């Protein structure tokens, strides 16, 4: 168990989707995020990036996607300065290999994971494929996560593979439409259902997820909360834990 030093905080962020919808918008968003990371570096005890940092990411044997030098350089600077950074893969950047671990010195998690900090128990993950329903996506996720699928995609030349992935990503967002802009109610939010199921097996103070693209802070009862981190496409939202309580915040309100 890690005890947060006095005056320090743990920060949670997710769903930057760098690369979307175009280079100009992505670059402006990347600079905003880098500026935020610089700001919090003065009091960050730890930083969790909870998936979909990129709109698409694939590590070929000796090639990684072009761009993103600002965010990657800033993360490297944070870890070089002794600030631990954790990364959870999302559905848009699940094809990680060893680049982040070797170049940025950060652990990469492919499944939700438990952490205990200052006596509080956290359950953290991107959130895709959890809870009831969405069987079509869960099936596709199994295919994409299969090592054979990763190997076959690696045979596609990078310029073709990246173009195809960008097209599929745009198609996915178009199909989703505005469905992620409204809270669906306690019974309609699949991650709330998942949290409740998890609480029948163990106790947690906080469930931290991304993927939903909507900032949510929901009281699950029994002193347990589900917090969805929203995104940096619309909300510029994040969470911070000061050792006593966790707060969902927005950069635009500061």
Protein backbone atom coordinates (compact mmCIF):
# COMPACT_ATOMS: atom_id res chain seq x y z
CA UNK A 1 0.00 0.00 0.00
CA UNK A 2 1.30 3.43 -0.97
CA UNK A 3 0.79 6.37 1.38
CA UNK A 4 0.41 9.65 -0.47
CA UNK A 5 2.86 12.27 0.87
CA UNK A 6 1.37 15.41 2.41
CA UNK A 7 0.52 18.01 -0.22
CA UNK A 8 0.64 15.48 -3.05
CA UNK A 9 -2.18 14.08 -5.21
CA UNK A 10 -2.91 11.24 -7.59
CA UNK A 11 -4.33 12.25 -10.98
CA UNK A 12 -6.51 10.17 -13.31
CA UNK A 13 -7.10 11.04 -16.97
CA UNK A 14 -8.41 9.20 -20.02
CA UNK A 15 -9.67 9.38 -23.58
CA UNK A 16 -7.42 11.96 -25.23
CA UNK A 17 -7.96 10.32 -28.66
CA UNK A 18 -4.95 12.06 -30.13
CA UNK A 19 -5.05 11.90 -33.90
CA UNK A 20 -8.80 12.58 -34.10
CA UNK A 21 -10.58 14.11 -35.86
CA UNK A 22 -7.69 15.73 -37.79
CA UNK A 23 -4.10 16.85 -37.26
CA UNK A 24 -4.92 20.48 -36.43
CA UNK A 25 -7.51 19.71 -33.75
CA UNK A 26 -5.41 16.88 -32.34
CA UNK A 27 -2.30 19.04 -32.08
CA UNK A 28 -4.18 21.77 -30.21
CA UNK A 29 -5.57 19.16 -27.81
CA UNK A 30 -2.16 17.57 -27.36
CA UNK A 31 -0.63 20.93 -26.41
CA UNK A 32 -3.44 21.52 -23.89
CA UNK A 33 -2.86 18.12 -22.28
CA UNK A 34 0.91 18.63 -22.16
CA UNK A 35 0.37 21.99 -20.49
CA UNK A 36 -1.92 20.35 -17.93
CA UNK A 37 0.61 17.60 -17.22
CA UNK A 38 3.26 20.26 -16.67
CA UNK A 39 0.95 22.08 -14.27
CA UNK A 40 0.19 19.03 -12.13
CA UNK A 41 3.80 17.84 -12.10
CA UNK A 42 4.46 20.10 -9.10
CA UNK A 43 2.16 18.09 -6.80
CA UNK A 44 1.58 14.77 -8.59
CA UNK A 45 2.51 11.73 -6.54
CA UNK A 46 1.30 9.48 -9.33
CA UNK A 47 -0.56 9.73 -12.65
CA UNK A 48 -2.92 7.18 -14.20
CA UNK A 49 -3.76 7.42 -17.91
CA UNK A 50 -6.77 5.17 -18.30
CA UNK A 51 -6.86 4.32 -22.00
CA UNK A 52 -7.44 5.74 -25.47
CA UNK A 53 -4.55 8.16 -25.26
CA UNK A 54 -4.47 7.73 -29.04
CA UNK A 55 -7.28 7.31 -31.53
CA UNK A 56 -5.14 4.58 -33.04
CA UNK A 57 -1.85 2.99 -31.99
CA UNK A 58 0.03 0.02 -33.37
CA UNK A 59 3.64 -0.90 -32.69
CA UNK A 60 5.33 -2.49 -35.65
CA UNK A 61 8.66 -4.21 -35.08
CA UNK A 62 10.64 -0.99 -35.65
CA UNK A 63 7.93 1.61 -36.37
CA UNK A 64 5.42 3.47 -34.23
CA UNK A 65 2.77 5.94 -35.49
CA UNK A 66 4.06 9.31 -36.63
CA UNK A 67 3.62 12.33 -34.36
CA UNK A 68 2.73 12.72 -30.67
CA UNK A 69 6.27 13.82 -29.78
CA UNK A 70 5.00 16.40 -27.27
CA UNK A 71 2.90 14.03 -25.19
CA UNK A 72 5.45 11.22 -25.34
CA UNK A 73 8.27 13.59 -24.42
CA UNK A 74 6.27 14.99 -21.49
CA UNK A 75 5.48 11.51 -20.13
CA UNK A 76 9.17 10.60 -20.41
CA UNK A 77 10.06 13.79 -18.55
CA UNK A 78 7.60 12.97 -15.76
CA UNK A 79 8.98 9.48 -15.24
CA UNK A 80 12.58 10.72 -15.53
CA UNK A 81 11.76 13.13 -12.70
CA UNK A 82 10.50 10.32 -10.51
CA UNK A 83 6.72 10.69 -11.00
CA UNK A 84 5.20 7.24 -11.60
CA UNK A 85 2.88 7.06 -14.62
CA UNK A 86 0.56 4.10 -15.25
CA UNK A 87 -1.08 3.35 -18.57
CA UNK A 88 -4.15 1.22 -19.27
CA UNK A 89 -4.83 0.24 -22.86
CA UNK A 90 -8.17 1.27 -24.33
CA UNK A 91 -10.11 -0.07 -27.28
CA UNK A 92 -8.31 2.39 -29.59
CA UNK A 93 -4.77 1.68 -28.41
CA UNK A 94 -4.94 -1.97 -27.32
CA UNK A 95 -2.11 -3.03 -29.64
CA UNK A 96 0.73 -2.08 -27.34
CA UNK A 97 3.94 -4.11 -27.19
CA UNK A 98 6.99 -2.85 -25.33
CA UNK A 99 7.52 0.71 -26.53
CA UNK A 100 5.94 2.47 -23.55
CA UNK A 101 7.65 0.19 -21.07
CA UNK A 102 11.09 0.53 -22.66
CA UNK A 103 11.10 4.16 -23.83
CA UNK A 104 8.86 5.84 -21.24
CA UNK A 105 9.51 3.55 -18.28
CA UNK A 106 5.82 3.08 -17.48
CA UNK A 107 3.84 -0.11 -16.85
CA UNK A 108 1.10 -0.98 -19.33
CA UNK A 109 -2.02 -2.84 -18.16
CA UNK A 110 -4.31 -4.73 -20.52
CA UNK A 111 -6.98 -5.54 -17.94
CA UNK A 112 -8.50 -3.70 -14.93
CA UNK A 113 -6.31 -3.75 -11.85
CA UNK A 114 -6.63 -3.10 -8.12
CA UNK A 115 -4.54 -0.50 -6.30
CA UNK A 116 -4.49 0.59 -2.67
CA UNK A 117 -3.49 4.14 -1.84
CA UNK A 118 -3.63 5.82 1.58
CA UNK A 119 -6.00 3.17 2.88
CA UNK A 120 -8.42 3.45 -0.07
CA UNK A 121 -9.01 0.63 -2.50
CA UNK A 122 -9.24 1.47 -6.21
CA UNK A 123 -10.36 -0.66 -9.14
CA UNK A 124 -9.09 0.93 -12.35
CA UNK A 125 -9.53 0.06 -16.03
CA UNK A 126 -10.53 1.56 -19.36
CA UNK A 127 -14.01 0.07 -19.13
CA UNK A 128 -14.57 -1.36 -22.60
CA UNK A 129 -16.18 -4.78 -22.77
CA UNK A 130 -17.24 -4.80 -19.11
CA UNK A 131 -20.72 -5.32 -17.75
CA UNK A 132 -23.82 -6.78 -19.40
CA UNK A 133 -24.65 -6.62 -23.11
CA UNK A 134 -22.54 -5.35 -26.00
CA UNK A 135 -21.80 -8.92 -27.06
CA UNK A 136 -20.83 -7.84 -30.58
CA UNK A 137 -18.02 -5.65 -29.33
CA UNK A 138 -16.86 -8.25 -26.81
CA UNK A 139 -16.55 -10.76 -29.65
CA UNK A 140 -14.62 -8.29 -31.82
CA UNK A 141 -12.35 -7.41 -28.89
CA UNK A 142 -11.40 -11.07 -28.48
CA UNK A 143 -10.50 -11.23 -32.15
CA UNK A 144 -8.43 -8.04 -32.04
CA UNK A 145 -6.64 -9.10 -28.86
CA UNK A 146 -5.72 -12.43 -30.38
CA UNK A 147 -1.95 -12.63 -31.08
CA UNK A 148 -2.67 -14.00 -34.57
CA UNK A 149 -4.74 -10.91 -35.43
CA UNK A 150 -1.96 -8.66 -34.17
CA UNK A 151 0.61 -10.58 -36.23
CA UNK A 152 -1.49 -10.40 -39.40
CA UNK A 153 -2.10 -6.67 -39.02
CA UNK A 154 1.65 -6.23 -38.56
CA UNK A 155 2.14 -7.60 -42.07
CA UNK A 156 0.17 -4.68 -43.52
CA UNK A 157 2.45 -1.76 -44.52
CA UNK A 158 2.22 1.03 -41.89
CA UNK A 159 0.75 3.66 -44.23
CA UNK A 160 -2.07 1.29 -45.25
CA UNK A 161 -2.66 -0.05 -41.74
CA UNK A 162 -2.86 3.41 -40.17
CA UNK A 163 -5.21 4.64 -42.89
CA UNK A 164 -7.51 1.66 -42.45
CA UNK A 165 -7.55 2.04 -38.66
CA UNK A 166 -8.34 5.76 -38.93
CA UNK A 167 -11.25 5.01 -41.24
CA UNK A 168 -12.66 2.36 -38.88
CA UNK A 169 -12.29 4.74 -35.93
CA UNK A 170 -14.24 7.49 -37.73
CA UNK A 171 -16.91 4.97 -38.73
CA UNK A 172 -17.25 3.82 -35.12
CA UNK A 173 -17.75 7.37 -33.83
CA UNK A 174 -20.28 8.10 -36.56
CA UNK A 175 -22.27 4.99 -35.63
CA UNK A 176 -22.23 5.92 -31.94
CA UNK A 177 -23.53 9.42 -32.67
CA UNK A 178 -24.64 11.28 -29.55
CA UNK A 179 -25.34 8.17 -27.47
CA UNK A 180 -22.46 8.96 -25.11
CA UNK A 181 -23.66 12.46 -24.25
CA UNK A 182 -26.47 11.51 -21.88
CA UNK A 183 -26.51 9.68 -18.56
CA UNK A 184 -28.59 6.54 -19.15
CA UNK A 185 -29.74 6.09 -15.58
CA UNK A 186 -28.62 3.67 -12.92
CA UNK A 187 -30.03 0.65 -14.74
CA UNK A 188 -28.92 1.77 -18.18
CA UNK A 189 -25.26 2.41 -17.44
CA UNK A 190 -23.47 -0.90 -18.00
CA UNK A 191 -20.42 0.12 -15.96
CA UNK A 192 -22.63 0.81 -12.93
CA UNK A 193 -24.01 -2.70 -13.32
CA UNK A 194 -20.47 -4.03 -13.54
CA UNK A 195 -19.42 -2.15 -10.40
CA UNK A 196 -22.38 -3.53 -8.47
CA UNK A 197 -21.47 -7.03 -9.56
CA UNK A 198 -17.87 -6.51 -8.42
CA UNK A 199 -19.07 -5.26 -5.04
CA UNK A 200 -20.77 -8.62 -4.43
CA UNK A 201 -17.30 -10.21 -4.51
CA UNK A 202 -15.16 -7.61 -2.73
CA UNK A 203 -15.24 -4.07 -1.35
CA UNK A 204 -13.83 -1.06 -3.19
CA UNK A 205 -13.81 2.62 -2.36
CA UNK A 206 -13.51 3.80 -5.96
CA UNK A 207 -14.10 2.38 -9.41
CA UNK A 208 -12.24 4.49 -11.98
CA UNK A 209 -13.05 4.02 -15.66
CA UNK A 210 -12.85 5.85 -18.97
CA UNK A 211 -14.33 4.79 -22.33
CA UNK A 212 -17.78 6.22 -21.61
CA UNK A 213 -16.74 9.77 -22.66
CA UNK A 214 -19.14 11.23 -20.10
CA UNK A 215 -17.95 12.51 -16.70
CA UNK A 216 -19.89 10.58 -14.06
CA UNK A 217 -19.59 10.49 -10.28
CA UNK A 218 -22.10 7.94 -8.98
CA UNK A 219 -22.67 6.84 -5.39
CA UNK A 220 -22.90 3.04 -5.35
CA UNK A 221 -23.72 2.90 -1.64
CA UNK A 222 -21.66 1.35 1.13
CA UNK A 223 -19.13 4.18 0.78
CA UNK A 224 -18.24 3.11 -2.77
CA UNK A 225 -18.24 5.36 -5.84
CA UNK A 226 -18.04 4.89 -9.59
CA UNK A 227 -16.20 7.69 -11.37
CA UNK A 228 -16.00 7.93 -15.13
CA UNK A 229 -13.27 10.29 -16.26
CA UNK A 230 -15.07 11.65 -19.33
CA UNK A 231 -12.73 12.77 -22.10
CA UNK A 232 -10.58 15.58 -23.50
CA UNK A 233 -12.54 15.90 -26.72
CA UNK A 234 -15.36 17.86 -25.08
CA UNK A 235 -15.02 17.97 -21.31
CA UNK A 236 -11.32 18.29 -20.40
CA UNK A 237 -12.24 16.28 -17.31
CA UNK A 238 -10.10 14.37 -14.86
CA UNK A 239 -10.09 13.14 -11.27
CA UNK A 240 -7.73 13.82 -8.41
CA UNK A 241 -7.25 12.00 -5.12
CA UNK A 242 -5.69 13.90 -2.23
CA UNK A 243 -5.32 10.95 0.12
CA UNK A 244 -8.71 11.48 1.74
CA UNK A 245 -11.24 11.93 -1.04
CA UNK A 246 -11.52 11.82 -4.81
CA UNK A 247 -12.85 14.71 -6.90
CA UNK A 248 -14.04 14.82 -10.50
CA UNK A 249 -12.86 18.09 -12.02
CA UNK A 250 -12.82 20.05 -15.27
CA UNK A 251 -9.91 22.06 -16.59
CA UNK A 252 -12.22 24.74 -18.03
CA UNK A 253 -13.59 25.50 -14.54
CA UNK A 254 -10.20 26.25 -13.00
